[in-house]
C-alpha atoms as a PDB file:
ATOM      1  CA  UNK A   1      28.465 120.780 109.459  1.00  0.00           C
ATOM      2  CA  UNK A   2      29.054 122.892 106.233  1.00  0.00           C
ATOM      3  CA  UNK A   3      32.562 124.550 107.959  1.00  0.00           C
ATOM      4  CA  UNK A   4      33.364 120.693 109.008  1.00  0.00           C
ATOM      5  CA  UNK A   5      32.697 119.761 105.435  1.00  0.00           C
ATOM      6  CA  UNK A   6      34.941 122.800 103.963  1.00  0.00           C
ATOM      7  CA  UNK A   7      37.552 122.052 106.426  1.00  0.00           C
ATOM      8  CA  UNK A   8      37.714 117.916 105.490  1.00  0.00           C
ATOM      9  CA  UNK A   9      37.978 118.830 101.840  1.00  0.00           C
ATOM     10  CA  UNK A  10      40.706 120.802 102.342  1.00  0.00           C
ATOM     11  CA  UNK A  11      42.447 118.883 104.013  1.00  0.00           C
ATOM     12  CA  UNK A  12      41.915 116.138 101.597  1.00  0.00           C
ATOM     13  CA  UNK A  13      43.217 118.645  98.979  1.00  0.00           C
ATOM     14  CA  UNK A  14      46.393 119.098 100.820  1.00  0.00           C
ATOM     15  CA  UNK A  15      47.005 115.733 101.347  1.00  0.00           C
ATOM     16  CA  UNK A  16      46.497 115.041  97.421  1.00  0.00           C
ATOM     17  CA  UNK A  17      49.915 113.965  95.169  1.00  0.00           C
ATOM     18  CA  UNK A  18      50.739 117.090  93.389  1.00  0.00           C
ATOM     19  CA  UNK A  19      50.152 116.594  90.007  1.00  0.00           C
ATOM     20  CA  UNK A  20      52.931 117.204  87.251  1.00  0.00           C
ATOM     21  CA  UNK A  21      51.719 120.695  86.400  1.00  0.00           C
ATOM     22  CA  UNK A  22      52.801 121.327  90.105  1.00  0.00           C
ATOM     23  CA  UNK A  23      56.285 119.670  90.676  1.00  0.00           C
ATOM     24  CA  UNK A  24      57.232 119.069  86.912  1.00  0.00           C
ATOM     25  CA  UNK A  25      58.127 115.530  85.389  1.00  0.00           C
ATOM     26  CA  UNK A  26      61.060 113.789  84.203  1.00  0.00           C
ATOM     27  CA  UNK A  27      62.115 112.181  81.003  1.00  0.00           C
ATOM     28  CA  UNK A  28      64.468 109.040  80.597  1.00  0.00           C
ATOM     29  CA  UNK A  29      66.804 108.658  77.790  1.00  0.00           C
ATOM     30  CA  UNK A  30      68.623 105.365  77.563  1.00  0.00           C
ATOM     31  CA  UNK A  31      71.349 104.006  75.591  1.00  0.00           C
ATOM     32  CA  UNK A  32      72.637 107.383  74.279  1.00  0.00           C
ATOM     33  CA  UNK A  33      75.717 107.154  72.083  1.00  0.00           C
ATOM     34  CA  UNK A  34      78.365 109.461  72.458  1.00  0.00           C
ATOM     35  CA  UNK A  35      81.953 109.212  70.536  1.00  0.00           C
ATOM     36  CA  UNK A  36      84.849 107.849  72.455  1.00  0.00           C
ATOM     37  CA  UNK A  37      83.059 107.341  75.631  1.00  0.00           C
ATOM     38  CA  UNK A  38      80.786 104.568  77.261  1.00  0.00           C
ATOM     39  CA  UNK A  39      77.120 104.361  76.419  1.00  0.00           C
ATOM     40  CA  UNK A  40      75.480 107.141  78.272  1.00  0.00           C
ATOM     41  CA  UNK A  41      72.173 107.583  79.826  1.00  0.00           C
ATOM     42  CA  UNK A  42      70.290 111.066  80.647  1.00  0.00           C
ATOM     43  CA  UNK A  43      67.322 112.146  82.788  1.00  0.00           C
ATOM     44  CA  UNK A  44      65.957 115.223  81.855  1.00  0.00           C
ATOM     45  CA  UNK A  45      63.414 117.176  84.424  1.00  0.00           C
ATOM     46  CA  UNK A  46      60.932 119.842  83.162  1.00  0.00           C
ATOM     47  CA  UNK A  47      59.878 122.434  85.275  1.00  0.00           C
ATOM     48  CA  UNK A  48      56.337 122.967  86.014  1.00  0.00           C
ATOM     49  CA  UNK A  49      54.049 124.962  83.377  1.00  0.00           C
ATOM     50  CA  UNK A  50      56.690 123.805  80.724  1.00  0.00           C
ATOM     51  CA  UNK A  51      54.133 122.037  78.226  1.00  0.00           C
ATOM     52  CA  UNK A  52      51.365 124.775  79.071  1.00  0.00           C
ATOM     53  CA  UNK A  53      53.749 128.020  78.102  1.00  0.00           C
ATOM     54  CA  UNK A  54      55.947 128.922  75.450  1.00  0.00           C
ATOM     55  CA  UNK A  55      58.572 130.485  77.436  1.00  0.00           C
ATOM     56  CA  UNK A  56      62.430 129.507  77.295  1.00  0.00           C
ATOM     57  CA  UNK A  57      64.321 127.992  80.302  1.00  0.00           C
ATOM     58  CA  UNK A  58      67.852 128.218  81.495  1.00  0.00           C
ATOM     59  CA  UNK A  59      69.804 124.681  81.420  1.00  0.00           C
ATOM     60  CA  UNK A  60      71.285 122.930  84.463  1.00  0.00           C
ATOM     61  CA  UNK A  61      73.787 120.244  83.451  1.00  0.00           C
ATOM     62  CA  UNK A  62      74.250 117.686  86.189  1.00  0.00           C
ATOM     63  CA  UNK A  63      76.642 114.662  86.873  1.00  0.00           C
ATOM     64  CA  UNK A  64      75.483 111.366  88.687  1.00  0.00           C
ATOM     65  CA  UNK A  65      71.844 111.803  87.101  1.00  0.00           C
ATOM     66  CA  UNK A  66      71.141 108.491  88.510  1.00  0.00           C
ATOM     67  CA  UNK A  67      71.391 109.900  92.053  1.00  0.00           C
ATOM     68  CA  UNK A  68      69.300 113.109  91.282  1.00  0.00           C
ATOM     69  CA  UNK A  69      65.370 112.384  91.218  1.00  0.00           C
ATOM     70  CA  UNK A  70      64.309 108.761  92.038  1.00  0.00           C
ATOM     71  CA  UNK A  71      65.346 107.154  94.875  1.00  0.00           C
ATOM     72  CA  UNK A  72      64.669 103.547  93.413  1.00  0.00           C
ATOM     73  CA  UNK A  73      67.186 104.542  90.530  1.00  0.00           C
ATOM     74  CA  UNK A  74      70.112 105.793  93.046  1.00  0.00           C
ATOM     75  CA  UNK A  75      73.004 103.956  93.940  1.00  0.00           C
ATOM     76  CA  UNK A  76      72.715 104.347  97.820  1.00  0.00           C
ATOM     77  CA  UNK A  77      69.129 104.784  98.079  1.00  0.00           C
ATOM     78  CA  UNK A  78      69.917 108.399  98.563  1.00  0.00           C
ATOM     79  CA  UNK A  79      69.183 110.983  96.408  1.00  0.00           C
ATOM     80  CA  UNK A  80      70.028 114.845  95.929  1.00  0.00           C
ATOM     81  CA  UNK A  81      66.116 115.661  95.295  1.00  0.00           C
ATOM     82  CA  UNK A  82      67.250 117.912  92.648  1.00  0.00           C
ATOM     83  CA  UNK A  83      63.767 118.791  91.441  1.00  0.00           C
ATOM     84  CA  UNK A  84      62.392 119.485  95.015  1.00  0.00           C
ATOM     85  CA  UNK A  85      65.433 121.857  95.408  1.00  0.00           C
ATOM     86  CA  UNK A  86      64.443 123.906  92.171  1.00  0.00           C
ATOM     87  CA  UNK A  87      61.129 123.991  93.120  1.00  0.00           C
ATOM     88  CA  UNK A  88      62.286 125.446  96.864  1.00  0.00           C
ATOM     89  CA  UNK A  89      64.910 128.019  94.856  1.00  0.00           C
ATOM     90  CA  UNK A  90      61.856 129.156  92.241  1.00  0.00           C
ATOM     91  CA  UNK A  91      59.547 129.685  95.160  1.00  0.00           C
ATOM     92  CA  UNK A  92      61.895 131.977  96.840  1.00  0.00           C
ATOM     93  CA  UNK A  93      61.580 134.482  93.790  1.00  0.00           C
ATOM     94  CA  UNK A  94      65.209 134.597  93.381  1.00  0.00           C
ATOM     95  CA  UNK A  95      65.962 131.696  90.864  1.00  0.00           C
ATOM     96  CA  UNK A  96      63.926 131.314  87.576  1.00  0.00           C
ATOM     97  CA  UNK A  97      63.282 127.441  87.143  1.00  0.00           C
ATOM     98  CA  UNK A  98      65.529 125.511  85.183  1.00  0.00           C
ATOM     99  CA  UNK A  99      65.433 122.642  82.720  1.00  0.00           C
ATOM    100  CA  UNK A 100      68.188 120.168  84.490  1.00  0.00           C
ATOM    101  CA  UNK A 101      69.740 117.585  82.411  1.00  0.00           C
ATOM    102  CA  UNK A 102      70.835 114.804  84.600  1.00  0.00           C
ATOM    103  CA  UNK A 103      73.640 112.701  83.162  1.00  0.00           C
ATOM    104  CA  UNK A 104      74.340 108.934  84.594  1.00  0.00           C
ATOM    105  CA  UNK A 105      77.652 108.265  85.747  1.00  0.00           C
ATOM    106  CA  UNK A 106      78.904 105.164  83.523  1.00  0.00           C
ATOM    107  CA  UNK A 107      79.167 102.422  86.184  1.00  0.00           C
ATOM    108  CA  UNK A 108      82.872 101.290  86.682  1.00  0.00           C
ATOM    109  CA  UNK A 109      83.758 104.111  83.906  1.00  0.00           C
ATOM    110  CA  UNK A 110      82.901 106.916  86.060  1.00  0.00           C
ATOM    111  CA  UNK A 111      86.730 107.815  87.582  1.00  0.00           C
ATOM    112  CA  UNK A 112      88.002 108.067  84.305  1.00  0.00           C
ATOM    113  CA  UNK A 113      85.150 109.822  82.851  1.00  0.00           C
ATOM    114  CA  UNK A 114      85.376 112.602  85.725  1.00  0.00           C
ATOM    115  CA  UNK A 115      88.719 112.719  86.130  1.00  0.00           C
ATOM    116  CA  UNK A 116      89.994 116.166  84.839  1.00  0.00           C
ATOM    117  CA  UNK A 117      92.294 115.382  81.919  1.00  0.00           C
ATOM    118  CA  UNK A 118      94.732 118.412  82.168  1.00  0.00           C
ATOM    119  CA  UNK A 119      95.103 117.586  85.970  1.00  0.00           C
ATOM    120  CA  UNK A 120      95.889 113.954  84.993  1.00  0.00           C
ATOM    121  CA  UNK A 121      98.309 114.803  82.306  1.00  0.00           C
ATOM    122  CA  UNK A 122     100.056 117.453  85.016  1.00  0.00           C
ATOM    123  CA  UNK A 123     100.292 114.945  87.485  1.00  0.00           C
ATOM    124  CA  UNK A 124     103.870 113.709  88.762  1.00  0.00           C
ATOM    125  CA  UNK A 125     104.390 109.757  87.756  1.00  0.00           C
ATOM    126  CA  UNK A 126     103.954 108.360  91.284  1.00  0.00           C
ATOM    127  CA  UNK A 127     100.534 110.190  91.417  1.00  0.00           C
ATOM    128  CA  UNK A 128      99.436 109.137  87.771  1.00  0.00           C
ATOM    129  CA  UNK A 129     100.174 105.734  88.622  1.00  0.00           C
ATOM    130  CA  UNK A 130      97.573 105.832  91.371  1.00  0.00           C
ATOM    131  CA  UNK A 131      95.215 107.351  89.132  1.00  0.00           C
ATOM    132  CA  UNK A 132      95.802 104.753  86.289  1.00  0.00           C
ATOM    133  CA  UNK A 133      95.304 102.077  88.934  1.00  0.00           C
ATOM    134  CA  UNK A 134      91.790 103.650  89.742  1.00  0.00           C
ATOM    135  CA  UNK A 135      90.698 103.998  86.336  1.00  0.00           C
ATOM    136  CA  UNK A 136      91.943 100.403  86.066  1.00  0.00           C
ATOM    137  CA  UNK A 137      94.471 101.138  83.290  1.00  0.00           C
ATOM    138  CA  UNK A 138      91.941 102.470  81.122  1.00  0.00           C
ATOM    139  CA  UNK A 139      92.251 105.706  79.197  1.00  0.00           C
ATOM    140  CA  UNK A 140      91.053 108.905  81.102  1.00  0.00           C
ATOM    141  CA  UNK A 141      88.349 110.442  78.786  1.00  0.00           C
ATOM    142  CA  UNK A 142      87.108 113.600  80.393  1.00  0.00           C
ATOM    143  CA  UNK A 143      88.206 115.942  77.748  1.00  0.00           C
ATOM    144  CA  UNK A 144      85.899 113.463  75.380  1.00  0.00           C
ATOM    145  CA  UNK A 145      83.235 113.710  78.170  1.00  0.00           C
ATOM    146  CA  UNK A 146      83.308 117.481  78.441  1.00  0.00           C
ATOM    147  CA  UNK A 147      83.214 118.082  74.410  1.00  0.00           C
ATOM    148  CA  UNK A 148      80.327 115.686  74.118  1.00  0.00           C
ATOM    149  CA  UNK A 149      78.536 117.640  76.977  1.00  0.00           C
ATOM    150  CA  UNK A 150      79.336 121.077  75.374  1.00  0.00           C
ATOM    151  CA  UNK A 151      78.855 119.846  71.661  1.00  0.00           C
ATOM    152  CA  UNK A 152      76.404 117.390  70.765  1.00  0.00           C
ATOM    153  CA  UNK A 153      74.638 116.873  73.844  1.00  0.00           C
ATOM    154  CA  UNK A 154      74.011 120.790  74.387  1.00  0.00           C
ATOM    155  CA  UNK A 155      73.186 121.188  70.627  1.00  0.00           C
ATOM    156  CA  UNK A 156      70.472 118.202  70.928  1.00  0.00           C
ATOM    157  CA  UNK A 157      69.089 119.700  74.233  1.00  0.00           C
ATOM    158  CA  UNK A 158      68.650 123.137  72.715  1.00  0.00           C
ATOM    159  CA  UNK A 159      66.946 121.867  69.562  1.00  0.00           C
ATOM    160  CA  UNK A 160      64.588 119.262  71.398  1.00  0.00           C
ATOM    161  CA  UNK A 161      63.888 121.743  74.196  1.00  0.00           C
ATOM    162  CA  UNK A 162      62.813 125.520  74.847  1.00  0.00           C
ATOM    163  CA  UNK A 163      66.259 126.739  76.409  1.00  0.00           C
ATOM    164  CA  UNK A 164      68.035 129.746  76.370  1.00  0.00           C
ATOM    165  CA  UNK A 165      71.312 128.911  75.248  1.00  0.00           C
ATOM    166  CA  UNK A 166      73.721 131.763  76.525  1.00  0.00           C
ATOM    167  CA  UNK A 167      76.454 131.450  78.785  1.00  0.00           C
ATOM    168  CA  UNK A 168      75.266 132.830  81.658  1.00  0.00           C
ATOM    169  CA  UNK A 169      72.121 130.617  81.119  1.00  0.00           C
ATOM    170  CA  UNK A 170      74.054 127.522  81.252  1.00  0.00           C
ATOM    171  CA  UNK A 171      75.388 125.770  84.392  1.00  0.00           C
ATOM    172  CA  UNK A 172      76.777 122.637  85.444  1.00  0.00           C
ATOM    173  CA  UNK A 173      76.762 121.189  88.808  1.00  0.00           C
ATOM    174  CA  UNK A 174      78.470 117.834  90.375  1.00  0.00           C
ATOM    175  CA  UNK A 175      79.789 116.340  93.687  1.00  0.00           C
ATOM    176  CA  UNK A 176      83.026 114.550  94.558  1.00  0.00           C
ATOM    177  CA  UNK A 177      84.625 113.565  91.483  1.00  0.00           C
ATOM    178  CA  UNK A 178      81.761 115.207  89.511  1.00  0.00           C
ATOM    179  CA  UNK A 179      82.471 118.476  91.446  1.00  0.00           C
ATOM    180  CA  UNK A 180      85.886 118.586  89.937  1.00  0.00           C
ATOM    181  CA  UNK A 181      84.536 117.622  86.772  1.00  0.00           C
ATOM    182  CA  UNK A 182      82.180 120.752  86.949  1.00  0.00           C
ATOM    183  CA  UNK A 183      85.489 122.917  88.028  1.00  0.00           C
ATOM    184  CA  UNK A 184      86.862 121.527  84.804  1.00  0.00           C
ATOM    185  CA  UNK A 185      83.951 122.627  82.313  1.00  0.00           C
ATOM    186  CA  UNK A 186      84.026 125.954  84.076  1.00  0.00           C
ATOM    187  CA  UNK A 187      87.417 126.699  83.491  1.00  0.00           C
ATOM    188  CA  UNK A 188      87.910 124.720  79.672  1.00  0.00           C
ATOM    189  CA  UNK A 189      84.725 126.170  78.307  1.00  0.00           C
ATOM    190  CA  UNK A 190      84.216 129.983  79.907  1.00  0.00           C
ATOM    191  CA  UNK A 191      82.079 130.437  76.981  1.00  0.00           C
ATOM    192  CA  UNK A 192      79.673 127.586  77.358  1.00  0.00           C
ATOM    193  CA  UNK A 193      79.265 127.358  81.114  1.00  0.00           C
ATOM    194  CA  UNK A 194      78.811 130.615  83.242  1.00  0.00           C
ATOM    195  CA  UNK A 195      78.098 129.048  86.379  1.00  0.00           C
ATOM    196  CA  UNK A 196      79.411 126.165  88.178  1.00  0.00           C
ATOM    197  CA  UNK A 197      78.746 124.365  91.620  1.00  0.00           C
ATOM    198  CA  UNK A 198      81.865 122.227  92.590  1.00  0.00           C
ATOM    199  CA  UNK A 199      80.221 120.388  95.822  1.00  0.00           C
ATOM    200  CA  UNK A 200      82.392 118.204  98.268  1.00  0.00           C
ATOM    201  CA  UNK A 201      84.955 118.481  95.084  1.00  0.00           C
ATOM    202  CA  UNK A 202      87.517 115.466  95.347  1.00  0.00           C
ATOM    203  CA  UNK A 203      90.582 117.686  95.089  1.00  0.00           C
ATOM    204  CA  UNK A 204      92.805 114.651  96.125  1.00  0.00           C
ATOM    205  CA  UNK A 205      92.015 113.063  92.671  1.00  0.00           C
ATOM    206  CA  UNK A 206      92.454 109.631  94.296  1.00  0.00           C
ATOM    207  CA  UNK A 207      90.945 108.133  97.405  1.00  0.00           C
ATOM    208  CA  UNK A 208      93.319 109.236 100.164  1.00  0.00           C
ATOM    209  CA  UNK A 209      92.255 106.669 102.489  1.00  0.00           C
ATOM    210  CA  UNK A 210      93.857 104.272 100.168  1.00  0.00           C
ATOM    211  CA  UNK A 211      96.969 105.962  98.754  1.00  0.00           C
ATOM    212  CA  UNK A 212      99.279 107.938 100.785  1.00  0.00           C
ATOM    213  CA  UNK A 213      99.244 111.534  99.166  1.00  0.00           C
ATOM    214  CA  UNK A 214     100.773 114.801  98.916  1.00  0.00           C
ATOM    215  CA  UNK A 215      98.336 117.377  99.652  1.00  0.00           C
ATOM    216  CA  UNK A 216     100.733 120.185  99.191  1.00  0.00           C
ATOM    217  CA  UNK A 217     101.681 118.928  95.795  1.00  0.00           C
ATOM    218  CA  UNK A 218      98.387 117.954  94.478  1.00  0.00           C
ATOM    219  CA  UNK A 219      97.271 121.443  95.832  1.00  0.00           C
ATOM    220  CA  UNK A 220     100.033 122.799  93.840  1.00  0.00           C
ATOM    221  CA  UNK A 221      98.691 121.139  90.713  1.00  0.00           C
ATOM    222  CA  UNK A 222      95.148 122.627  91.077  1.00  0.00           C
ATOM    223  CA  UNK A 223      96.642 125.965  91.902  1.00  0.00           C
ATOM    224  CA  UNK A 224      98.893 126.107  88.685  1.00  0.00           C
ATOM    225  CA  UNK A 225      95.604 125.007  86.480  1.00  0.00           C
ATOM    226  CA  UNK A 226      93.355 127.723  88.075  1.00  0.00           C
ATOM    227  CA  UNK A 227      96.221 130.215  87.523  1.00  0.00           C
ATOM    228  CA  UNK A 228      96.381 129.272  84.056  1.00  0.00           C
ATOM    229  CA  UNK A 229      92.509 129.190  83.327  1.00  0.00           C
ATOM    230  CA  UNK A 230      90.517 131.140  85.325  1.00  0.00           C
ATOM    231  CA  UNK A 231      90.825 134.360  83.638  1.00  0.00           C
ATOM    232  CA  UNK A 232      88.408 137.250  84.847  1.00  0.00           C
ATOM    233  CA  UNK A 233      84.930 136.793  86.164  1.00  0.00           C
ATOM    234  CA  UNK A 234      83.411 138.682  83.427  1.00  0.00           C
ATOM    235  CA  UNK A 235      79.924 137.902  85.110  1.00  0.00           C
ATOM    236  CA  UNK A 236      80.712 134.118  85.827  1.00  0.00           C
ATOM    237  CA  UNK A 237      79.824 132.405  89.015  1.00  0.00           C
ATOM    238  CA  UNK A 238      81.551 129.356  90.726  1.00  0.00           C
ATOM    239  CA  UNK A 239      80.345 127.625  94.021  1.00  0.00           C
ATOM    240  CA  UNK A 240      82.641 125.866  96.137  1.00  0.00           C
ATOM    241  CA  UNK A 241      82.028 123.822  99.469  1.00  0.00           C
ATOM    242  CA  UNK A 242      82.639 120.737 101.659  1.00  0.00           C
ATOM    243  CA  UNK A 243      81.925 119.251 104.821  1.00  0.00           C
ATOM    244  CA  UNK A 244      83.905 117.824 107.647  1.00  0.00           C
ATOM    245  CA  UNK A 245      83.282 114.121 108.243  1.00  0.00           C
ATOM    246  CA  UNK A 246      84.088 110.942 106.146  1.00  0.00           C
ATOM    247  CA  UNK A 247      85.789 111.728 102.688  1.00  0.00           C
ATOM    248  CA  UNK A 248      85.032 115.657 103.102  1.00  0.00           C
ATOM    249  CA  UNK A 249      87.374 115.791 106.053  1.00  0.00           C
ATOM    250  CA  UNK A 250      90.506 115.537 103.350  1.00  0.00           C
ATOM    251  CA  UNK A 251      89.337 118.398 101.620  1.00  0.00           C
ATOM    252  CA  UNK A 252      89.859 121.669 103.037  1.00  0.00           C
ATOM    253  CA  UNK A 253      93.728 122.233 102.556  1.00  0.00           C
ATOM    254  CA  UNK A 254      93.031 121.861  98.836  1.00  0.00           C
ATOM    255  CA  UNK A 255      89.861 124.076  98.685  1.00  0.00           C
ATOM    256  CA  UNK A 256      91.733 126.618 100.581  1.00  0.00           C
ATOM    257  CA  UNK A 257      94.088 126.842  98.375  1.00  0.00           C
ATOM    258  CA  UNK A 258      91.461 127.064  95.152  1.00  0.00           C
ATOM    259  CA  UNK A 259      90.259 130.062  97.688  1.00  0.00           C
ATOM    260  CA  UNK A 260      93.343 131.775  97.696  1.00  0.00           C
ATOM    261  CA  UNK A 261      93.820 131.583  93.774  1.00  0.00           C
ATOM    262  CA  UNK A 262      90.361 132.810  93.029  1.00  0.00           C
ATOM    263  CA  UNK A 263      90.866 136.008  95.318  1.00  0.00           C
ATOM    264  CA  UNK A 264      94.446 136.726  93.973  1.00  0.00           C
ATOM    265  CA  UNK A 265      93.097 136.422  90.609  1.00  0.00           C
ATOM    266  CA  UNK A 266      90.494 139.369  91.543  1.00  0.00           C
ATOM    267  CA  UNK A 267      87.517 137.303  91.855  1.00  0.00           C
ATOM    268  CA  UNK A 268      85.399 138.672  94.447  1.00  0.00           C
ATOM    269  CA  UNK A 269      83.794 136.442  97.131  1.00  0.00           C
ATOM    270  CA  UNK A 270      80.102 136.567  97.336  1.00  0.00           C
ATOM    271  CA  UNK A 271      79.586 138.088  93.848  1.00  0.00           C
ATOM    272  CA  UNK A 272      81.842 136.081  91.910  1.00  0.00           C
ATOM    273  CA  UNK A 273      82.354 133.248  93.982  1.00  0.00           C
ATOM    274  CA  UNK A 274      81.413 131.433  97.090  1.00  0.00           C
ATOM    275  CA  UNK A 275      83.135 128.800  99.344  1.00  0.00           C
ATOM    276  CA  UNK A 276      81.259 127.147 102.406  1.00  0.00           C
ATOM    277  CA  UNK A 277      82.397 124.593 105.130  1.00  0.00           C
ATOM    278  CA  UNK A 278      79.402 122.597 106.229  1.00  0.00           C
ATOM    279  CA  UNK A 279      80.553 121.418 109.885  1.00  0.00           C
ATOM    280  CA  UNK A 280      79.555 117.705 110.558  1.00  0.00           C
ATOM    281  CA  UNK A 281      78.265 117.402 106.918  1.00  0.00           C
ATOM    282  CA  UNK A 282      79.599 113.665 105.103  1.00  0.00           C
ATOM    283  CA  UNK A 283      80.352 112.884 101.819  1.00  0.00           C
ATOM    284  CA  UNK A 284      77.063 111.530 100.965  1.00  0.00           C
ATOM    285  CA  UNK A 285      73.600 112.724  98.822  1.00  0.00           C
ATOM    286  CA  UNK A 286      71.599 113.336 101.866  1.00  0.00           C
ATOM    287  CA  UNK A 287      73.995 116.089 103.027  1.00  0.00           C
ATOM    288  CA  UNK A 288      74.315 117.419  99.570  1.00  0.00           C
ATOM    289  CA  UNK A 289      70.339 117.534  99.149  1.00  0.00           C
ATOM    290  CA  UNK A 290      70.383 119.263 102.466  1.00  0.00           C
ATOM    291  CA  UNK A 291      72.245 122.519 100.843  1.00  0.00           C
ATOM    292  CA  UNK A 292      71.311 122.366  97.332  1.00  0.00           C
ATOM    293  CA  UNK A 293      68.595 124.976  97.702  1.00  0.00           C
ATOM    294  CA  UNK A 294      71.053 127.273  99.093  1.00  0.00           C
ATOM    295  CA  UNK A 295      73.484 126.447  95.971  1.00  0.00           C
ATOM    296  CA  UNK A 296      70.667 126.952  93.866  1.00  0.00           C
ATOM    297  CA  UNK A 297      69.801 130.215  95.193  1.00  0.00           C
ATOM    298  CA  UNK A 298      73.436 131.880  95.073  1.00  0.00           C
ATOM    299  CA  UNK A 299      74.797 130.023  92.055  1.00  0.00           C
ATOM    300  CA  UNK A 300      71.684 130.481  89.802  1.00  0.00           C
ATOM    301  CA  UNK A 301      70.285 133.717  91.182  1.00  0.00           C
ATOM    302  CA  UNK A 302      68.652 136.477  89.096  1.00  0.00           C
END
């Protein structure tokens, strides 16, 4: 009877919901002003033990913050489950827990905020007209967005939380347009972002299902941009990937060009950069959630 009661108590313990000290918790900041940008919103996840300790944490900035933690706040009733992925990566012993700063996409302004300004400026007129149509005629503001993240937002995060502020303790990850935005930040601010995850990056820059695109010409834009900005690894790391279904089916030719440029620049695959293809994976949050622990272990590992 005693053994039975103990077993029942153990089962009850396993069934109980995990407390914040076990799973971490999220803080929400709405109506955040950012110069030259639409109003921003931020969700910040603090790891387990943050409040009880005095240690400092590396920081991961992620785009599309509304799709990271809470299904009720997501666009498509699907999330990355970034907090769960971070807990799994930390449990492996290979990754230190990171503070995650999730920056929400600003609705219809998402495209013009995530489209790298350098690529927009270098695009031939026909492609730029397509970009303008997708941006609904509004000015591309990714340069302002990056200035805000690397400047005022990062300064506020570092002042408000116990962060480690070094380049190698500061990462950025995003998918689709957020993927190319993450590569943009990595290349434009190498002194700030020592790690970048460019997940299912939308290399075509416009919707290839809607517009007739020239993959070779657009790949040339990316190749020239990476060649001009990449520099030496110097301890930095970048992760690239895509699936093979839905929108991801268009990405292989572009990623192969970027991969070749990294290799030509002397970056060592497996150490400085990684590039993965996930057969059958679609362009959606469940697919990204499935591989996020793997991304965290490789990109953020000690």
